[in-house]
Amino acid sequence: GLAFAVISSSAFITWQRTIGGRLESRLRFSSTLTWNTFPLPAITDSQRAAIIAGGRAVLDARALRPERSLADHYNPLAMSPELLRAHRELDAAVDKTLGLRGAATEADRLRALFASFAKLTTANELAMPKKRPRKARAVSAAS
């Protein structure tokens, strides 16, 4: 539930557009460029529950109109009020983890995401653990 909710958020799509780029007119998704670098800070249990609930609300809103394709659901001129409301709730939950309050713009989200990325990388929280040096083996005199 958490992964679906996060990648369904406006914060993730903003990161995707900026970091992942495009292929022709489509967004280019790369696990190494986009997902693995998405700077979601450590979240509390209550924040996690709110994000998951937001993702569930998106799925529930889509289920109200099962005859619609994803393209139909996300047609800007015909998006259902329930789906729009569910995405707003999801965005509010994810934005809160980034320190944003109220109606955040794409620019607000991008500033918060890069600040979070800088904090995480400065603290080495994204770095690979250091390898321990190998112990030197004793060489026997018989060899």
N, C-alpha and C. Protein backbone atom coordinates (compact mmCIF):
# COMPACT_ATOMS: atom_id res chain seq x y z
N GLY A 1 0.79 -1.20 0.00
CA GLY A 1 0.00 0.00 0.00
C GLY A 1 0.83 1.26 0.00
N LEU A 2 1.94 1.27 0.72
CA LEU A 2 2.76 2.48 0.81
C LEU A 2 3.38 2.83 -0.54
N ALA A 3 3.95 1.85 -1.24
CA ALA A 3 4.60 2.12 -2.52
C ALA A 3 3.59 2.66 -3.53
N PHE A 4 2.43 2.02 -3.64
CA PHE A 4 1.40 2.51 -4.56
C PHE A 4 1.03 3.95 -4.23
N ALA A 5 0.78 4.21 -2.96
CA ALA A 5 0.36 5.55 -2.55
C ALA A 5 1.43 6.59 -2.87
N VAL A 6 2.67 6.29 -2.56
CA VAL A 6 3.74 7.25 -2.81
C VAL A 6 3.87 7.55 -4.29
N ILE A 7 3.87 6.51 -5.14
CA ILE A 7 4.05 6.77 -6.58
C ILE A 7 2.80 7.37 -7.22
N SER A 8 1.69 7.37 -6.50
CA SER A 8 0.47 8.01 -6.99
C SER A 8 0.36 9.46 -6.56
N SER A 9 1.31 9.92 -5.77
CA SER A 9 1.26 11.29 -5.23
C SER A 9 1.82 12.31 -6.21
N SER A 10 1.38 13.54 -6.04
CA SER A 10 1.91 14.63 -6.86
C SER A 10 3.39 14.88 -6.58
N ALA A 11 3.82 14.64 -5.36
CA ALA A 11 5.25 14.83 -5.03
C ALA A 11 6.10 13.87 -5.86
N PHE A 12 5.67 12.61 -5.96
CA PHE A 12 6.45 11.65 -6.74
C PHE A 12 6.43 12.00 -8.22
N ILE A 13 5.27 12.40 -8.73
CA ILE A 13 5.17 12.77 -10.15
C ILE A 13 6.04 14.01 -10.43
N THR A 14 6.09 14.94 -9.50
CA THR A 14 6.96 16.10 -9.65
C THR A 14 8.42 15.66 -9.72
N TRP A 15 8.82 14.75 -8.84
CA TRP A 15 10.18 14.20 -8.85
C TRP A 15 10.44 13.47 -10.17
N GLN A 16 9.46 12.68 -10.59
CA GLN A 16 9.56 11.92 -11.83
C GLN A 16 9.80 12.84 -13.02
N ARG A 17 9.02 13.89 -13.13
CA ARG A 17 9.16 14.83 -14.25
C ARG A 17 10.54 15.48 -14.25
N THR A 18 11.03 15.81 -13.07
CA THR A 18 12.29 16.54 -12.96
C THR A 18 13.51 15.63 -13.10
N ILE A 19 13.50 14.50 -12.44
CA ILE A 19 14.66 13.61 -12.41
C ILE A 19 14.61 12.56 -13.51
N GLY A 20 13.45 11.96 -13.72
CA GLY A 20 13.33 10.88 -14.71
C GLY A 20 13.31 11.36 -16.14
N GLY A 21 12.76 12.54 -16.36
CA GLY A 21 12.70 13.08 -17.70
C GLY A 21 11.60 12.44 -18.54
N ARG A 22 11.77 12.54 -19.85
CA ARG A 22 10.74 12.08 -20.78
C ARG A 22 11.36 11.29 -21.92
N LEU A 23 10.57 10.40 -22.46
CA LEU A 23 10.84 9.73 -23.73
C LEU A 23 9.72 10.17 -24.64
N GLU A 24 10.04 10.89 -25.68
CA GLU A 24 9.02 11.49 -26.54
C GLU A 24 8.14 12.35 -25.64
N SER A 25 6.85 12.06 -25.58
CA SER A 25 5.97 12.87 -24.73
C SER A 25 5.62 12.18 -23.42
N ARG A 26 6.11 10.94 -23.25
CA ARG A 26 5.79 10.16 -22.05
C ARG A 26 6.85 10.37 -20.96
N LEU A 27 6.41 10.23 -19.72
CA LEU A 27 7.37 10.28 -18.62
C LEU A 27 8.25 9.03 -18.67
N ARG A 28 9.52 9.20 -18.40
CA ARG A 28 10.46 8.06 -18.38
C ARG A 28 10.65 7.65 -16.93
N PHE A 29 10.33 6.41 -16.63
CA PHE A 29 10.47 5.90 -15.28
C PHE A 29 11.71 5.03 -15.21
N SER A 30 12.54 5.29 -14.24
CA SER A 30 13.74 4.49 -14.02
C SER A 30 13.86 4.24 -12.53
N SER A 31 14.02 2.97 -12.17
CA SER A 31 14.14 2.67 -10.73
C SER A 31 15.38 3.32 -10.14
N THR A 32 16.47 3.36 -10.90
CA THR A 32 17.70 3.93 -10.34
C THR A 32 17.69 5.45 -10.32
N LEU A 33 17.05 6.08 -11.32
CA LEU A 33 17.03 7.54 -11.35
C LEU A 33 15.88 8.14 -10.57
N THR A 34 14.76 7.46 -10.54
CA THR A 34 13.57 8.06 -9.94
C THR A 34 13.20 7.43 -8.61
N TRP A 35 12.88 6.17 -8.63
CA TRP A 35 12.39 5.52 -7.40
C TRP A 35 13.48 5.47 -6.34
N ASN A 36 14.66 5.01 -6.68
CA ASN A 36 15.71 4.84 -5.67
C ASN A 36 16.25 6.16 -5.14
N THR A 37 15.97 7.25 -5.82
CA THR A 37 16.45 8.55 -5.34
C THR A 37 15.33 9.41 -4.75
N PHE A 38 14.09 8.91 -4.77
CA PHE A 38 12.99 9.71 -4.24
C PHE A 38 13.24 9.97 -2.76
N PRO A 39 13.38 11.23 -2.37
CA PRO A 39 13.83 11.55 -1.01
C PRO A 39 12.72 11.63 0.03
N LEU A 40 11.96 10.56 0.17
CA LEU A 40 10.95 10.53 1.23
C LEU A 40 11.68 10.40 2.56
N PRO A 41 11.49 11.36 3.44
CA PRO A 41 12.19 11.27 4.74
C PRO A 41 11.59 10.14 5.59
N ALA A 42 12.25 9.84 6.67
CA ALA A 42 11.72 8.85 7.61
C ALA A 42 10.33 9.30 8.03
N ILE A 43 9.39 8.36 8.04
CA ILE A 43 8.02 8.71 8.38
C ILE A 43 7.58 7.98 9.64
N THR A 44 6.67 8.62 10.35
CA THR A 44 6.13 8.01 11.56
C THR A 44 5.07 6.98 11.18
N ASP A 45 4.67 6.17 12.13
CA ASP A 45 3.62 5.19 11.88
C ASP A 45 2.32 5.87 11.47
N SER A 46 2.01 7.00 12.08
CA SER A 46 0.76 7.69 11.73
C SER A 46 0.84 8.30 10.34
N GLN A 47 2.01 8.81 9.96
CA GLN A 47 2.18 9.34 8.59
C GLN A 47 2.05 8.21 7.57
N ARG A 48 2.67 7.08 7.89
CA ARG A 48 2.58 5.91 7.00
C ARG A 48 1.13 5.48 6.82
N ALA A 49 0.38 5.42 7.92
CA ALA A 49 -1.03 5.02 7.86
C ALA A 49 -1.84 6.02 7.03
N ALA A 50 -1.56 7.31 7.17
CA ALA A 50 -2.29 8.34 6.42
C ALA A 50 -1.99 8.23 4.92
N ILE A 51 -0.74 7.96 4.57
CA ILE A 51 -0.37 7.82 3.16
C ILE A 51 -1.04 6.58 2.57
N ILE A 52 -0.99 5.48 3.28
CA ILE A 52 -1.63 4.25 2.81
C ILE A 52 -3.14 4.45 2.66
N ALA A 53 -3.77 5.13 3.63
CA ALA A 53 -5.21 5.41 3.55
C ALA A 53 -5.51 6.28 2.32
N GLY A 54 -4.63 7.22 2.03
CA GLY A 54 -4.81 8.05 0.84
C GLY A 54 -4.75 7.23 -0.44
N GLY A 55 -3.82 6.30 -0.50
CA GLY A 55 -3.72 5.41 -1.66
C GLY A 55 -4.95 4.53 -1.80
N ARG A 56 -5.44 4.03 -0.68
CA ARG A 56 -6.65 3.20 -0.68
C ARG A 56 -7.84 4.02 -1.16
N ALA A 57 -7.93 5.29 -0.76
CA ALA A 57 -9.03 6.16 -1.19
C ALA A 57 -8.99 6.37 -2.71
N VAL A 58 -7.79 6.47 -3.28
CA VAL A 58 -7.66 6.60 -4.74
C VAL A 58 -8.21 5.34 -5.41
N LEU A 59 -7.83 4.18 -4.92
CA LEU A 59 -8.33 2.92 -5.50
C LEU A 59 -9.84 2.80 -5.33
N ASP A 60 -10.35 3.19 -4.17
CA ASP A 60 -11.79 3.13 -3.92
C ASP A 60 -12.54 4.06 -4.86
N ALA A 61 -12.00 5.25 -5.10
CA ALA A 61 -12.65 6.21 -6.01
C ALA A 61 -12.65 5.68 -7.44
N ARG A 62 -11.58 5.04 -7.85
CA ARG A 62 -11.54 4.44 -9.19
C ARG A 62 -12.56 3.32 -9.30
N ALA A 63 -12.73 2.55 -8.22
CA ALA A 63 -13.65 1.41 -8.24
C ALA A 63 -15.10 1.85 -8.37
N LEU A 64 -15.42 3.09 -8.05
CA LEU A 64 -16.79 3.58 -8.19
C LEU A 64 -17.22 3.61 -9.66
N ARG A 65 -16.25 3.66 -10.56
CA ARG A 65 -16.55 3.69 -12.00
C ARG A 65 -15.67 2.67 -12.72
N PRO A 66 -15.97 1.38 -12.53
CA PRO A 66 -15.12 0.32 -13.08
C PRO A 66 -15.10 0.28 -14.61
N GLU A 67 -16.06 0.89 -15.25
CA GLU A 67 -16.10 0.89 -16.71
C GLU A 67 -15.07 1.84 -17.33
N ARG A 68 -14.52 2.71 -16.51
CA ARG A 68 -13.54 3.69 -17.01
C ARG A 68 -12.14 3.10 -17.06
N SER A 69 -11.41 3.47 -18.10
CA SER A 69 -9.98 3.12 -18.19
C SER A 69 -9.22 4.14 -17.34
N LEU A 70 -7.92 3.91 -17.14
CA LEU A 70 -7.11 4.90 -16.41
C LEU A 70 -7.10 6.23 -17.17
N ALA A 71 -7.04 6.17 -18.49
CA ALA A 71 -7.07 7.40 -19.29
C ALA A 71 -8.37 8.16 -19.04
N ASP A 72 -9.48 7.42 -18.96
CA ASP A 72 -10.76 8.08 -18.69
C ASP A 72 -10.80 8.67 -17.28
N HIS A 73 -10.28 7.92 -16.31
CA HIS A 73 -10.26 8.42 -14.93
C HIS A 73 -9.48 9.72 -14.81
N TYR A 74 -8.39 9.84 -15.57
CA TYR A 74 -7.51 10.98 -15.41
C TYR A 74 -7.64 12.02 -16.52
N ASN A 75 -8.74 11.96 -17.26
CA ASN A 75 -9.04 13.01 -18.23
C ASN A 75 -9.34 14.28 -17.43
N PRO A 76 -8.54 15.33 -17.61
CA PRO A 76 -8.73 16.53 -16.77
C PRO A 76 -10.12 17.16 -16.88
N LEU A 77 -10.80 16.91 -17.98
CA LEU A 77 -12.13 17.49 -18.17
C LEU A 77 -13.24 16.61 -17.61
N ALA A 78 -12.90 15.37 -17.23
CA ALA A 78 -13.94 14.45 -16.78
C ALA A 78 -13.58 13.67 -15.52
N MET A 79 -12.60 14.15 -14.77
CA MET A 79 -12.18 13.45 -13.55
C MET A 79 -13.29 13.55 -12.50
N SER A 80 -13.61 12.41 -11.90
CA SER A 80 -14.71 12.41 -10.93
C SER A 80 -14.32 13.20 -9.68
N PRO A 81 -15.30 13.81 -9.04
CA PRO A 81 -15.01 14.56 -7.81
C PRO A 81 -14.43 13.67 -6.71
N GLU A 82 -14.87 12.41 -6.67
CA GLU A 82 -14.37 11.47 -5.65
C GLU A 82 -12.88 11.19 -5.85
N LEU A 83 -12.48 11.00 -7.10
CA LEU A 83 -11.07 10.72 -7.40
C LEU A 83 -10.22 11.96 -7.16
N LEU A 84 -10.72 13.09 -7.54
CA LEU A 84 -10.00 14.35 -7.30
C LEU A 84 -9.80 14.57 -5.80
N ARG A 85 -10.84 14.34 -5.01
CA ARG A 85 -10.76 14.49 -3.55
C ARG A 85 -9.77 13.49 -2.95
N ALA A 86 -9.80 12.24 -3.44
CA ALA A 86 -8.88 11.21 -2.93
C ALA A 86 -7.43 11.60 -3.21
N HIS A 87 -7.16 12.12 -4.38
CA HIS A 87 -5.79 12.54 -4.70
C HIS A 87 -5.37 13.73 -3.85
N ARG A 88 -6.28 14.62 -3.57
CA ARG A 88 -5.94 15.77 -2.71
C ARG A 88 -5.59 15.30 -1.30
N GLU A 89 -6.33 14.32 -0.79
CA GLU A 89 -6.03 13.77 0.54
C GLU A 89 -4.69 13.06 0.55
N LEU A 90 -4.43 12.28 -0.49
CA LEU A 90 -3.15 11.59 -0.60
C LEU A 90 -2.01 12.60 -0.67
N ASP A 91 -2.17 13.62 -1.52
CA ASP A 91 -1.12 14.64 -1.65
C ASP A 91 -0.87 15.34 -0.32
N ALA A 92 -1.92 15.63 0.42
CA ALA A 92 -1.75 16.30 1.71
C ALA A 92 -0.95 15.43 2.67
N ALA A 93 -1.20 14.12 2.65
CA ALA A 93 -0.46 13.21 3.53
C ALA A 93 1.00 13.12 3.16
N VAL A 94 1.31 13.01 1.86
CA VAL A 94 2.71 12.93 1.42
C VAL A 94 3.39 14.28 1.62
N ASP A 95 2.70 15.36 1.26
CA ASP A 95 3.28 16.70 1.44
C ASP A 95 3.64 16.96 2.90
N LYS A 96 2.82 16.48 3.81
CA LYS A 96 3.08 16.69 5.24
C LYS A 96 4.42 16.07 5.64
N THR A 97 4.76 14.90 5.07
CA THR A 97 6.05 14.28 5.40
C THR A 97 7.22 15.12 4.91
N LEU A 98 6.96 15.95 3.89
CA LEU A 98 8.00 16.81 3.34
C LEU A 98 8.02 18.19 4.01
N GLY A 99 7.15 18.36 5.00
CA GLY A 99 7.10 19.63 5.73
C GLY A 99 6.23 20.68 5.08
N LEU A 100 5.41 20.28 4.11
CA LEU A 100 4.53 21.23 3.42
C LEU A 100 3.16 21.22 4.07
N ARG A 101 2.53 22.38 4.10
CA ARG A 101 1.19 22.51 4.65
C ARG A 101 0.32 23.26 3.64
N GLY A 102 -0.96 22.97 3.64
CA GLY A 102 -1.88 23.69 2.76
C GLY A 102 -1.73 23.25 1.31
N ALA A 103 -2.21 24.07 0.42
CA ALA A 103 -2.17 23.77 -1.02
C ALA A 103 -0.76 24.02 -1.55
N ALA A 104 -0.03 22.95 -1.78
CA ALA A 104 1.35 23.08 -2.28
C ALA A 104 1.35 23.10 -3.80
N THR A 105 2.23 23.91 -4.36
CA THR A 105 2.41 23.96 -5.81
C THR A 105 3.52 22.98 -6.20
N GLU A 106 3.68 22.76 -7.49
CA GLU A 106 4.76 21.91 -7.96
C GLU A 106 6.11 22.49 -7.55
N ALA A 107 6.24 23.81 -7.61
CA ALA A 107 7.50 24.45 -7.20
C ALA A 107 7.76 24.25 -5.71
N ASP A 108 6.71 24.34 -4.88
CA ASP A 108 6.85 24.09 -3.44
C ASP A 108 7.35 22.66 -3.20
N ARG A 109 6.73 21.73 -3.90
CA ARG A 109 7.12 20.32 -3.73
C ARG A 109 8.56 20.10 -4.17
N LEU A 110 8.93 20.69 -5.29
CA LEU A 110 10.30 20.51 -5.79
C LEU A 110 11.32 21.06 -4.81
N ARG A 111 11.06 22.24 -4.25
CA ARG A 111 11.98 22.81 -3.25
C ARG A 111 12.09 21.87 -2.04
N ALA A 112 10.95 21.36 -1.58
CA ALA A 112 10.95 20.46 -0.41
C ALA A 112 11.66 19.15 -0.74
N LEU A 113 11.45 18.63 -1.94
CA LEU A 113 12.10 17.37 -2.34
C LEU A 113 13.61 17.52 -2.43
N PHE A 114 14.08 18.61 -3.04
CA PHE A 114 15.53 18.81 -3.13
C PHE A 114 16.15 19.09 -1.77
N ALA A 115 15.42 19.77 -0.89
CA ALA A 115 15.92 19.98 0.47
C ALA A 115 16.02 18.65 1.20
N SER A 116 15.02 17.79 1.03
CA SER A 116 15.05 16.47 1.66
C SER A 116 16.18 15.63 1.08
N PHE A 117 16.37 15.70 -0.23
CA PHE A 117 17.46 14.96 -0.87
C PHE A 117 18.81 15.41 -0.33
N ALA A 118 18.99 16.72 -0.23
CA ALA A 118 20.25 17.26 0.30
C ALA A 118 20.49 16.79 1.73
N LYS A 119 19.44 16.83 2.53
CA LYS A 119 19.57 16.40 3.93
C LYS A 119 19.92 14.92 4.01
N LEU A 120 19.22 14.10 3.23
CA LEU A 120 19.47 12.65 3.26
C LEU A 120 20.86 12.30 2.76
N THR A 121 21.31 12.95 1.70
CA THR A 121 22.62 12.62 1.15
C THR A 121 23.75 13.21 1.99
N THR A 122 23.52 14.36 2.60
CA THR A 122 24.53 14.95 3.47
C THR A 122 24.74 14.08 4.71
N ALA A 123 23.65 13.51 5.18
CA ALA A 123 23.71 12.67 6.37
C ALA A 123 24.16 11.25 6.03
N ASN A 124 24.46 11.01 4.75
CA ASN A 124 24.90 9.70 4.27
C ASN A 124 23.84 8.62 4.50
N GLU A 125 22.58 9.02 4.61
CA GLU A 125 21.52 8.03 4.83
C GLU A 125 21.25 7.21 3.58
N LEU A 126 21.64 7.72 2.41
CA LEU A 126 21.44 6.98 1.17
C LEU A 126 22.69 6.23 0.74
N ALA A 127 23.78 6.44 1.44
CA ALA A 127 25.05 5.83 1.05
C ALA A 127 25.07 4.34 1.39
N MET A 128 25.82 3.60 0.61
CA MET A 128 25.98 2.17 0.87
C MET A 128 26.84 2.00 2.12
N PRO A 129 26.57 0.97 2.91
CA PRO A 129 27.39 0.75 4.10
C PRO A 129 28.84 0.48 3.69
N LYS A 130 29.75 0.93 4.51
CA LYS A 130 31.16 0.71 4.22
C LYS A 130 31.51 -0.75 4.47
N LYS A 131 32.38 -1.27 3.58
CA LYS A 131 32.83 -2.65 3.75
C LYS A 131 33.93 -2.69 4.79
N ARG A 132 33.91 -3.76 5.57
CA ARG A 132 34.98 -3.93 6.55
C ARG A 132 36.20 -4.45 5.82
N PRO A 133 37.38 -4.01 6.23
CA PRO A 133 38.59 -4.52 5.58
C PRO A 133 38.75 -6.02 5.86
N ARG A 134 39.28 -6.70 4.87
CA ARG A 134 39.53 -8.13 5.05
C ARG A 134 40.69 -8.34 5.99
N LYS A 135 40.60 -9.45 6.75
CA LYS A 135 41.69 -9.78 7.64
C LYS A 135 42.80 -10.42 6.81
N ALA A 136 44.01 -10.03 7.14
CA ALA A 136 45.15 -10.61 6.43
C ALA A 136 45.34 -12.06 6.87
N ARG A 137 45.59 -12.91 5.89
CA ARG A 137 45.82 -14.32 6.20
C ARG A 137 47.28 -14.55 6.48
N ALA A 138 47.52 -15.37 7.46
CA ALA A 138 48.91 -15.72 7.78
C ALA A 138 49.45 -16.66 6.71
N VAL A 139 50.64 -16.41 6.24
CA VAL A 139 51.28 -17.28 5.24
C VAL A 139 52.15 -18.25 6.00
N SER A 140 51.98 -19.55 5.72
CA SER A 140 52.77 -20.55 6.44
C SER A 140 54.16 -20.62 5.85
N ALA A 141 55.08 -21.00 6.66
CA ALA A 141 56.48 -21.13 6.23
C ALA A 141 56.68 -22.31 5.30
N ALA A 142 55.75 -23.26 5.30
CA ALA A 142 55.87 -24.46 4.47
C ALA A 142 55.54 -24.17 3.02
N SER A 143 54.95 -23.06 2.72
CA SER A 143 54.57 -22.84 1.33
C SER A 143 55.63 -22.29 0.49
